[in-house]
């Protein structure tokens, strides 16, 4: 198992840059998890095909209905094509819901999607039609948020009868990480509350209509959609990762995953449901039951020194190991090139200070800091400090370190599986510990022979680094770190 994870650490960074996940992929990611919904892509065939090129393609529909807009449609409009597609889809498949996802072409041309929906209804389409349009192309999350907001606004009516002990759980499965919410469900039920539904995985249109029955939503992240749920449905929301919290003094304060984070989460749920005593009792019971396993891992890793990547929020198992397993961070690596496109220099300075202060609060001292270092600089500093492993996030290329004898752990594969729960956390920690204490599978991986000389992204070749910089500069507008997604 150790070798498999290490080999995946080497391969994935090369694979993941095969495309840029945009709004269409994000909206389709939502649609595919609604079993009785059929998405209709209103765009040229080339735009629709784009989703097949991105790293998330295994989680996105391989085939979807497309209106196949042409140059003529870009001039005269593609409304008739969309109306015909809606009528045909309803006639052939009788879905419980149709989701229209528009591309950039009809958004720019100005096709009247609302009028198309009305025309389709006059021709016999009776199911709900959800429209996801006028969304900026860049970012998978924009498409996900737009689709969820459209569903909430048009399908989820305010509940006449809300159950005070009902909970909704929302999570998404990326790269095979799974929803991993079974343990959280069990903890909530054991405390005496009830699960309304778990979203978003193989749900029905009926499930979505019943969403407002719950008093509380537990979601992976604080996003535009969760904020919309608060305002539109007046539902309480707890985010496992509450991004960009105003006045934050410690990154772990907005992290409710991992062993310690799960206890804090249960206390938050208890407060929201007015069941503080019940949920506190469950937290104490589970901590006592599993504390020995955690302590065993702490003894195994307590002398380990890591180089950790900068965090906008704590979502990396390496950082959670700092808090829960007692490892030390003697080197903090911060890659700010792409962030400089999104955020002001003063905001980045705050982020650097927050990272350093969080680590100091946990381990008693601040690590040495490297900002935008070359791989050679990281290797040199790691050897001087006696670093046992460099923890690599998305902006790090582990093969560059492995080729020079430094253990590198590519943690996003583990992070996808890191959700709320004590056993869930321990399982991820055990895998992390196994990789950390194992030997490197190879000292000269073949991918280390490639040219990675990009200035904007050092984990990419010069060509892809320049392409990445171009898209960042085109699609990002600088904003404060505290602004929600």
Protein backbone atom coordinates (compact mmCIF):
# COMPACT_ATOMS: atom_id res chain seq x y z
CA UNK A 1 0.00 0.00 0.00
CA UNK A 2 2.82 2.39 0.82
CA UNK A 3 4.35 1.91 -2.62
CA UNK A 4 1.02 2.46 -4.33
CA UNK A 5 0.48 5.78 -2.60
CA UNK A 6 4.05 6.89 -3.27
CA UNK A 7 3.79 5.98 -6.96
CA UNK A 8 0.49 7.84 -7.22
CA UNK A 9 2.24 10.80 -5.60
CA UNK A 10 4.64 10.84 -8.52
CA UNK A 11 2.14 10.28 -11.33
CA UNK A 12 -0.76 12.54 -10.41
CA UNK A 13 0.97 15.95 -10.72
CA UNK A 14 1.84 15.14 -14.32
CA UNK A 15 -1.70 13.97 -15.12
CA UNK A 16 -3.78 16.60 -13.43
CA UNK A 17 -2.93 19.47 -15.78
CA UNK A 18 -4.61 17.96 -18.84
CA UNK A 19 -7.29 20.61 -18.84
CA UNK A 20 -8.87 23.51 -16.98
CA UNK A 21 -12.07 22.56 -15.13
CA UNK A 22 -14.68 25.19 -15.96
CA UNK A 23 -18.30 26.00 -15.16
CA UNK A 24 -19.76 23.35 -17.48
CA UNK A 25 -17.87 20.57 -15.73
CA UNK A 26 -18.95 21.94 -12.34
CA UNK A 27 -22.64 22.10 -13.25
CA UNK A 28 -22.50 18.62 -14.78
CA UNK A 29 -20.86 17.35 -11.61
CA UNK A 30 -24.05 18.38 -9.79
CA UNK A 31 -26.43 17.09 -12.47
CA UNK A 32 -24.89 13.62 -12.66
CA UNK A 33 -25.59 13.08 -8.96
CA UNK A 34 -29.34 13.61 -9.46
CA UNK A 35 -30.49 10.27 -10.81
CA UNK A 36 -33.73 11.43 -12.46
CA UNK A 37 -32.30 14.65 -13.93
CA UNK A 38 -31.17 15.00 -17.55
CA UNK A 39 -28.78 17.86 -18.35
CA UNK A 40 -29.02 19.66 -21.70
CA UNK A 41 -25.85 21.46 -22.80
CA UNK A 42 -26.74 24.58 -24.77
CA UNK A 43 -23.45 25.34 -26.48
CA UNK A 44 -21.21 24.31 -29.41
CA UNK A 45 -20.09 20.67 -29.43
CA UNK A 46 -16.48 21.68 -28.84
CA UNK A 47 -17.39 23.50 -25.63
CA UNK A 48 -19.42 20.53 -24.45
CA UNK A 49 -16.52 18.17 -25.19
CA UNK A 50 -14.14 20.21 -23.03
CA UNK A 51 -15.31 18.48 -19.84
CA UNK A 52 -13.84 15.18 -21.11
CA UNK A 53 -10.34 16.66 -21.05
CA UNK A 54 -10.17 17.60 -17.39
CA UNK A 55 -8.90 15.54 -14.43
CA UNK A 56 -12.40 15.21 -12.97
CA UNK A 57 -13.74 13.39 -16.06
CA UNK A 58 -14.37 10.11 -14.21
CA UNK A 59 -16.93 11.91 -12.05
CA UNK A 60 -18.66 13.71 -14.93
CA UNK A 61 -21.15 12.37 -17.45
CA UNK A 62 -19.25 10.93 -20.43
CA UNK A 63 -22.25 11.55 -22.70
CA UNK A 64 -24.75 14.39 -22.57
CA UNK A 65 -27.33 15.98 -24.84
CA UNK A 66 -25.98 19.05 -26.63
CA UNK A 67 -27.70 21.60 -28.88
CA UNK A 68 -24.52 21.81 -31.01
CA UNK A 69 -24.59 25.53 -31.75
CA UNK A 70 -22.91 26.63 -34.98
CA UNK A 71 -21.55 29.91 -36.34
CA UNK A 72 -24.98 30.63 -37.79
CA UNK A 73 -26.56 30.17 -34.36
CA UNK A 74 -23.97 32.54 -32.88
CA UNK A 75 -25.27 35.21 -35.27
CA UNK A 76 -29.03 34.51 -35.29
CA UNK A 77 -29.43 32.78 -31.93
CA UNK A 78 -29.92 29.17 -30.94
CA UNK A 79 -33.25 29.41 -29.16
CA UNK A 80 -35.16 27.10 -31.52
CA UNK A 81 -32.52 24.42 -31.11
CA UNK A 82 -32.86 24.59 -27.34
CA UNK A 83 -36.67 24.43 -27.44
CA UNK A 84 -36.56 21.40 -29.74
CA UNK A 85 -33.99 19.71 -27.48
CA UNK A 86 -36.12 20.24 -24.37
CA UNK A 87 -39.22 18.85 -26.03
CA UNK A 88 -37.33 15.85 -27.42
CA UNK A 89 -35.68 15.03 -24.09
CA UNK A 90 -38.99 15.11 -22.24
CA UNK A 91 -40.74 13.04 -24.92
CA UNK A 92 -38.03 10.36 -25.04
CA UNK A 93 -36.98 10.05 -21.39
CA UNK A 94 -39.73 11.63 -19.20
CA UNK A 95 -37.20 12.87 -16.61
CA UNK A 96 -38.27 14.26 -13.25
CA UNK A 97 -36.12 17.31 -13.97
CA UNK A 98 -34.15 18.89 -16.82
CA UNK A 99 -31.13 21.07 -16.16
CA UNK A 100 -30.10 23.53 -18.90
CA UNK A 101 -26.40 24.39 -18.76
CA UNK A 102 -25.42 27.21 -21.09
CA UNK A 103 -21.98 27.85 -22.53
CA UNK A 104 -20.26 31.13 -23.23
CA UNK A 105 -21.73 31.45 -26.75
CA UNK A 106 -25.44 31.74 -25.80
CA UNK A 107 -24.51 33.83 -22.75
CA UNK A 108 -22.73 36.36 -24.96
CA UNK A 109 -25.24 36.24 -27.83
CA UNK A 110 -28.08 36.70 -25.36
CA UNK A 111 -30.39 33.77 -26.02
CA UNK A 112 -33.58 34.24 -23.99
CA UNK A 113 -33.46 31.01 -21.99
CA UNK A 114 -36.54 31.92 -19.93
CA UNK A 115 -38.59 32.33 -23.10
CA UNK A 116 -37.27 28.99 -24.37
CA UNK A 117 -38.48 27.31 -21.18
CA UNK A 118 -41.94 28.85 -21.55
CA UNK A 119 -42.13 27.75 -25.18
CA UNK A 120 -41.14 24.21 -24.21
CA UNK A 121 -43.89 24.15 -21.58
CA UNK A 122 -46.46 25.15 -24.19
CA UNK A 123 -45.29 22.14 -26.21
CA UNK A 124 -45.88 19.71 -23.38
CA UNK A 125 -42.81 19.71 -21.13
CA UNK A 126 -44.20 19.38 -17.59
CA UNK A 127 -41.17 18.61 -15.40
CA UNK A 128 -39.16 21.30 -13.57
CA UNK A 129 -36.54 22.97 -15.78
CA UNK A 130 -33.53 24.39 -13.92
CA UNK A 131 -31.38 26.94 -15.76
CA UNK A 132 -27.65 27.37 -15.05
CA UNK A 133 -26.47 30.29 -17.18
CA UNK A 134 -24.43 33.49 -17.27
CA UNK A 135 -21.67 31.98 -15.14
CA UNK A 136 -18.04 33.02 -15.62
CA UNK A 137 -16.21 30.15 -17.32
CA UNK A 138 -13.21 29.71 -15.06
CA UNK A 139 -13.36 27.38 -12.04
CA UNK A 140 -15.19 24.16 -11.36
CA UNK A 141 -16.53 25.68 -8.13
CA UNK A 142 -18.37 28.43 -10.02
CA UNK A 143 -20.36 25.88 -11.97
CA UNK A 144 -21.09 23.82 -8.84
CA UNK A 145 -22.26 26.89 -6.92
CA UNK A 146 -24.38 28.18 -9.80
CA UNK A 147 -26.12 24.81 -10.24
CA UNK A 148 -26.80 24.43 -6.51
CA UNK A 149 -28.13 27.98 -6.19
CA UNK A 150 -30.43 27.45 -9.19
CA UNK A 151 -31.74 24.23 -7.61
CA UNK A 152 -32.27 25.92 -4.23
CA UNK A 153 -34.03 28.93 -5.71
CA UNK A 154 -36.33 27.07 -8.10
CA UNK A 155 -36.87 23.62 -6.59
CA UNK A 156 -36.42 23.83 -2.82
CA UNK A 157 -39.40 25.72 -1.45
CA UNK A 158 -39.41 26.85 2.16
CA UNK A 159 -40.71 24.00 4.30
CA UNK A 160 -44.10 24.43 5.94
CA UNK A 161 -42.98 22.03 8.67
CA UNK A 162 -39.30 22.10 9.69
CA UNK A 163 -38.02 19.38 12.01
CA UNK A 164 -35.85 20.78 14.80
CA UNK A 165 -33.65 17.66 14.97
CA UNK A 166 -33.28 17.01 11.23
CA UNK A 167 -29.86 17.46 9.64
CA UNK A 168 -28.78 17.68 5.99
CA UNK A 169 -25.26 16.55 5.12
CA UNK A 170 -23.72 17.88 1.91
CA UNK A 171 -20.49 16.55 0.45
CA UNK A 172 -18.94 15.94 -2.96
CA UNK A 173 -16.77 13.03 -4.04
CA UNK A 174 -13.60 14.03 -5.92
CA UNK A 175 -11.03 11.66 -7.44
CA UNK A 176 -12.58 8.61 -5.82
CA UNK A 177 -12.33 10.05 -2.30
CA UNK A 178 -15.95 9.12 -1.65
CA UNK A 179 -18.46 11.02 0.44
CA UNK A 180 -17.08 9.41 3.63
CA UNK A 181 -20.04 10.56 5.72
CA UNK A 182 -21.21 7.22 7.16
CA UNK A 183 -19.42 7.80 10.45
CA UNK A 184 -20.79 11.34 10.75
CA UNK A 185 -24.30 10.00 10.09
CA UNK A 186 -23.80 7.41 12.83
CA UNK A 187 -22.55 9.98 15.35
CA UNK A 188 -25.52 12.28 14.70
CA UNK A 189 -28.03 9.46 15.06
CA UNK A 190 -26.35 8.15 18.20
CA UNK A 191 -26.77 11.58 19.78
CA UNK A 192 -30.52 11.44 19.09
CA UNK A 193 -30.84 13.64 16.00
CA UNK A 194 -31.96 12.46 12.56
CA UNK A 195 -30.59 12.67 9.01
CA UNK A 196 -32.98 14.23 6.53
CA UNK A 197 -30.85 13.37 3.48
CA UNK A 198 -27.21 13.11 2.46
CA UNK A 199 -26.38 15.19 -0.60
CA UNK A 200 -25.01 15.07 -3.27
CA UNK A 201 -24.78 11.46 -4.35
CA UNK A 202 -27.45 9.55 -6.29
CA UNK A 203 -30.23 11.81 -5.01
CA UNK A 204 -33.64 12.16 -6.61
CA UNK A 205 -35.61 15.28 -7.43
CA UNK A 206 -37.90 14.36 -4.53
CA UNK A 207 -34.87 14.33 -2.18
CA UNK A 208 -33.98 17.85 -3.28
CA UNK A 209 -37.53 19.10 -2.71
CA UNK A 210 -37.31 17.76 0.86
CA UNK A 211 -34.04 19.62 1.55
CA UNK A 212 -35.77 22.50 3.45
CA UNK A 213 -37.23 20.14 6.09
CA UNK A 214 -33.96 20.13 8.03
CA UNK A 215 -32.96 22.71 10.60
CA UNK A 216 -29.22 22.36 9.97
CA UNK A 217 -26.94 21.88 6.97
CA UNK A 218 -23.44 20.44 7.41
CA UNK A 219 -21.32 21.13 4.33
CA UNK A 220 -17.69 20.59 3.38
CA UNK A 221 -17.03 24.28 2.69
CA UNK A 222 -18.48 27.73 3.24
CA UNK A 223 -19.42 28.84 -0.28
CA UNK A 224 -21.75 31.13 -2.20
CA UNK A 225 -24.33 28.35 -2.11
CA UNK A 226 -24.19 27.76 1.66
CA UNK A 227 -24.58 31.51 2.19
CA UNK A 228 -27.58 31.45 -0.16
CA UNK A 229 -29.09 28.59 1.85
CA UNK A 230 -28.78 30.68 5.02
CA UNK A 231 -30.50 33.68 3.43
CA UNK A 232 -33.07 31.99 1.19
CA UNK A 233 -34.12 29.03 3.36
CA UNK A 234 -33.19 30.49 6.77
CA UNK A 235 -31.32 27.28 7.56
CA UNK A 236 -28.39 27.07 9.97
CA UNK A 237 -25.12 26.05 8.29
CA UNK A 238 -21.95 24.49 9.69
CA UNK A 239 -18.98 24.29 7.30
CA UNK A 240 -16.18 21.81 7.95
CA UNK A 241 -13.83 24.32 6.31
CA UNK A 242 -15.01 27.88 6.90
CA UNK A 243 -12.93 29.81 4.40
CA UNK A 244 -11.75 33.37 4.91
CA UNK A 245 -13.23 34.01 8.34
CA UNK A 246 -12.97 37.63 9.44
CA UNK A 247 -10.52 38.22 12.27
CA UNK A 248 -9.18 34.66 12.24
CA UNK A 249 -6.20 34.20 14.58
CA UNK A 250 -5.55 30.48 14.12
CA UNK A 251 -6.14 28.44 10.95
CA UNK A 252 -7.34 25.47 13.01
CA UNK A 253 -10.22 27.54 14.40
CA UNK A 254 -12.12 27.10 11.13
CA UNK A 255 -11.25 23.42 10.60
CA UNK A 256 -13.78 20.81 11.77
CA UNK A 257 -12.15 17.66 10.36
CA UNK A 258 -9.55 15.35 11.81
CA UNK A 259 -9.66 13.82 15.28
CA UNK A 260 -9.78 17.02 17.35
CA UNK A 261 -11.85 18.81 14.71
CA UNK A 262 -14.58 16.16 14.88
CA UNK A 263 -15.07 16.80 18.61
CA UNK A 264 -15.46 20.51 17.92
CA UNK A 265 -17.91 19.73 15.11
CA UNK A 266 -20.13 17.64 17.39
CA UNK A 267 -20.24 20.46 19.92
CA UNK A 268 -21.23 22.91 17.16
CA UNK A 269 -24.01 20.57 15.98
CA UNK A 270 -25.26 20.25 19.54
CA UNK A 271 -25.47 24.04 19.89
CA UNK A 272 -27.34 24.41 16.59
CA UNK A 273 -29.91 21.73 17.51
CA UNK A 274 -30.19 22.71 21.19
CA UNK A 275 -28.76 19.30 22.12
CA UNK A 276 -25.45 20.33 23.67
CA UNK A 277 -25.46 17.66 26.37
CA UNK A 278 -26.21 14.77 24.03
CA UNK A 279 -23.53 15.66 21.48
CA UNK A 280 -20.90 16.45 24.11
CA UNK A 281 -21.47 13.02 25.65
CA UNK A 282 -20.93 11.32 22.27
CA UNK A 283 -17.74 13.31 21.67
CA UNK A 284 -16.28 12.36 25.05
CA UNK A 285 -17.26 8.70 24.59
CA UNK A 286 -15.63 8.39 21.15
CA UNK A 287 -12.49 10.25 22.23
CA UNK A 288 -12.01 7.88 25.17
CA UNK A 289 -12.64 4.83 22.99
CA UNK A 290 -10.13 5.75 20.28
CA UNK A 291 -7.57 7.82 22.15
CA UNK A 292 -5.14 4.88 22.49
CA UNK A 293 -4.90 4.47 18.70
CA UNK A 294 -4.19 8.17 18.32
CA UNK A 295 -1.52 8.06 21.03
CA UNK A 296 0.15 5.09 19.33
CA UNK A 297 0.48 7.12 16.13
CA UNK A 298 1.76 10.12 18.10
CA UNK A 299 4.54 8.04 19.64
CA UNK A 300 5.47 6.77 16.18
CA UNK A 301 5.68 10.22 14.56
CA UNK A 302 6.51 12.59 17.41
CA UNK A 303 10.15 13.06 16.32
CA UNK A 304 9.34 13.58 12.63
CA UNK A 305 10.20 16.93 11.02
CA UNK A 306 8.18 18.08 8.03
CA UNK A 307 8.23 20.84 5.46
CA UNK A 308 4.60 21.93 5.05
CA UNK A 309 2.89 23.93 2.28
CA UNK A 310 1.13 27.21 2.94
CA UNK A 311 -2.61 26.95 3.66
CA UNK A 312 -5.50 29.27 2.84
CA UNK A 313 -7.43 27.00 5.19
CA UNK A 314 -6.41 23.77 6.92
CA UNK A 315 -7.32 20.98 4.51
CA UNK A 316 -4.06 19.04 4.41
CA UNK A 317 -3.33 15.88 6.38
CA UNK A 318 0.21 17.13 7.01
CA UNK A 319 -1.16 20.11 8.93
CA UNK A 320 -3.60 17.93 10.85
CA UNK A 321 -0.69 15.67 11.77
CA UNK A 322 0.95 18.76 13.25
CA UNK A 323 -2.04 19.27 15.54
CA UNK A 324 -3.17 15.69 16.27
CA UNK A 325 -0.03 13.55 15.84
CA UNK A 326 2.68 15.80 17.25
CA UNK A 327 4.91 16.05 14.16
CA UNK A 328 6.99 19.22 13.85
CA UNK A 329 7.02 21.75 11.04
CA UNK A 330 10.54 23.13 10.74
CA UNK A 331 10.06 24.53 7.24
CA UNK A 332 7.10 26.36 5.71
CA UNK A 333 6.98 26.61 1.91
CA UNK A 334 4.87 29.34 0.38
CA UNK A 335 4.21 29.59 -3.36
CA UNK A 336 2.49 32.91 -3.97
CA UNK A 337 2.85 33.47 -7.73
CA UNK A 338 -0.70 32.40 -8.59
CA UNK A 339 -2.09 34.03 -5.44
CA UNK A 340 -0.52 37.35 -6.44
CA UNK A 341 -2.95 37.42 -9.36
CA UNK A 342 -5.94 36.99 -7.02
CA UNK A 343 -4.98 38.90 -3.86
CA UNK A 344 -3.29 42.13 -2.84
CA UNK A 345 0.20 42.10 -1.34
CA UNK A 346 -1.13 43.24 2.04
CA UNK A 347 -3.55 40.28 2.08
CA UNK A 348 -0.78 37.82 1.31
CA UNK A 349 1.30 39.29 4.14
CA UNK A 350 -1.61 38.61 6.51
CA UNK A 351 -1.81 35.05 5.21
CA UNK A 352 1.91 34.45 5.76
CA UNK A 353 1.67 35.78 9.32
CA UNK A 354 -1.40 33.63 10.01
CA UNK A 355 0.35 30.47 8.82
CA UNK A 356 3.43 31.18 10.95
CA UNK A 357 1.46 32.10 14.07
CA UNK A 358 -0.76 29.01 13.77
CA UNK A 359 2.26 26.72 13.64
CA UNK A 360 3.92 28.56 16.52
CA UNK A 361 0.81 28.21 18.67
CA UNK A 362 0.73 24.44 18.08
CA UNK A 363 4.43 23.52 18.45
CA UNK A 364 5.87 26.44 20.41
CA UNK A 365 8.13 27.96 17.76
CA UNK A 366 7.92 29.30 14.21
CA UNK A 367 9.38 27.34 11.28
CA UNK A 368 11.85 28.76 8.79
CA UNK A 369 10.10 30.31 5.81
CA UNK A 370 10.75 29.92 2.08
CA UNK A 371 8.76 32.06 -0.34
CA UNK A 372 8.62 30.95 -3.98
CA UNK A 373 11.74 28.78 -3.65
CA UNK A 374 13.25 26.67 -6.40
CA UNK A 375 13.29 22.88 -5.83
CA UNK A 376 17.04 23.12 -5.27
CA UNK A 377 16.50 25.66 -2.49
CA UNK A 378 13.92 23.41 -0.82
CA UNK A 379 16.25 20.42 -1.04
CA UNK A 380 19.19 22.37 0.36
CA UNK A 381 17.17 23.81 3.24
CA UNK A 382 15.54 20.44 3.99
CA UNK A 383 18.90 18.70 4.24
CA UNK A 384 20.29 21.41 6.50
CA UNK A 385 17.27 21.25 8.83
CA UNK A 386 17.07 17.46 8.85
CA UNK A 387 13.60 17.38 7.31
CA UNK A 388 12.16 13.84 7.11
CA UNK A 389 9.68 14.64 4.32
CA UNK A 390 8.35 17.49 2.22
CA UNK A 391 4.56 17.55 2.17
CA UNK A 392 3.49 18.61 -1.33
CA UNK A 393 0.23 20.32 -2.21
CA UNK A 394 -1.02 21.23 -5.67
CA UNK A 395 1.76 23.70 -6.34
CA UNK A 396 4.58 21.32 -5.46
CA UNK A 397 6.18 18.72 -7.70
CA UNK A 398 7.32 15.73 -5.59
CA UNK A 399 9.41 14.17 -8.37
CA UNK A 400 11.89 17.04 -8.18
CA UNK A 401 12.58 16.24 -4.54
CA UNK A 402 12.57 12.45 -4.93
CA UNK A 403 15.25 12.74 -7.62
CA UNK A 404 17.53 14.47 -5.08
CA UNK A 405 16.98 12.03 -2.23
CA UNK A 406 14.28 13.93 -0.33
CA UNK A 407 11.10 12.07 0.61
CA UNK A 408 8.09 13.90 -0.81
CA UNK A 409 4.47 13.10 0.00
CA UNK A 410 1.77 14.28 -2.37
CA UNK A 411 -1.12 14.61 0.09
CA UNK A 412 -4.17 15.71 -2.00
CA UNK A 413 -4.99 12.06 -2.66
CA UNK A 414 -5.32 11.53 1.08
CA UNK A 415 -7.05 14.86 1.62
CA UNK A 416 -9.94 13.87 -0.66
CA UNK A 417 -10.77 11.14 1.88
CA UNK A 418 -10.41 13.36 4.94
CA UNK A 419 -13.89 14.17 6.21
CA UNK A 420 -15.49 14.44 9.67
CA UNK A 421 -15.21 11.41 11.95
CA UNK A 422 -12.81 9.86 14.43
CA UNK A 423 -12.27 6.55 12.63
CA UNK A 424 -12.15 8.39 9.30
CA UNK A 425 -9.36 10.60 10.63
CA UNK A 426 -7.43 7.68 12.11
CA UNK A 427 -7.59 5.76 8.81
CA UNK A 428 -6.09 8.72 6.93
CA UNK A 429 -3.49 9.30 9.65
CA UNK A 430 -2.41 5.65 9.49
CA UNK A 431 -1.90 5.88 5.72
CA UNK A 432 0.02 9.11 6.12
CA UNK A 433 2.21 7.53 8.83
CA UNK A 434 2.86 4.48 6.65
CA UNK A 435 4.06 6.67 3.78
CA UNK A 436 6.10 8.90 6.07
CA UNK A 437 7.97 5.98 7.65
CA UNK A 438 8.46 3.95 4.46
CA UNK A 439 11.42 4.09 2.10
CA UNK A 440 11.18 5.85 -1.26
CA UNK A 441 10.09 3.43 -4.02
CA UNK A 442 12.65 4.84 -6.46
CA UNK A 443 15.40 7.43 -6.32
CA UNK A 444 15.24 8.57 -9.94
CA UNK A 445 11.60 8.58 -11.12
CA UNK A 446 11.27 8.94 -14.89
CA UNK A 447 9.11 12.04 -14.55
CA UNK A 448 11.97 13.81 -12.80
CA UNK A 449 13.80 13.83 -16.16
CA UNK A 450 11.21 16.19 -17.66
CA UNK A 451 11.82 19.93 -17.88
CA UNK A 452 10.01 21.78 -15.08
CA UNK A 453 11.26 25.32 -15.47
CA UNK A 454 8.03 27.32 -15.32
CA UNK A 455 8.33 30.60 -13.44
CA UNK A 456 4.64 30.97 -12.60
CA UNK A 457 4.19 27.32 -11.53
CA UNK A 458 7.38 25.39 -10.81
CA UNK A 459 5.52 22.08 -10.87
CA UNK A 460 4.77 22.56 -14.59
CA UNK A 461 6.77 22.80 -17.77
CA UNK A 462 7.43 26.28 -19.14
CA UNK A 463 4.64 25.98 -21.71
CA UNK A 464 1.96 24.88 -19.23
CA UNK A 465 3.17 27.34 -16.63
CA UNK A 466 2.72 30.21 -19.10
CA UNK A 467 -0.72 28.88 -20.09
CA UNK A 468 -1.73 28.68 -16.44
CA UNK A 469 -0.57 32.25 -15.84
CA UNK A 470 -2.57 33.46 -18.85
CA UNK A 471 -5.83 31.95 -17.60
CA UNK A 472 -5.25 33.22 -14.07
CA UNK A 473 -4.72 36.78 -15.32
CA UNK A 474 -7.74 36.62 -17.62
CA UNK A 475 -10.23 35.19 -15.13
CA UNK A 476 -9.17 36.43 -11.70
CA UNK A 477 -9.90 39.78 -10.14
CA UNK A 478 -8.06 40.75 -6.96
CA UNK A 479 -10.23 40.59 -3.85
CA UNK A 480 -9.81 40.50 -0.06
CA UNK A 481 -9.02 37.11 1.48
CA UNK A 482 -12.05 37.40 3.77
CA UNK A 483 -14.49 37.62 0.86
CA UNK A 484 -16.52 34.43 0.49
CA UNK A 485 -16.47 32.38 -2.66
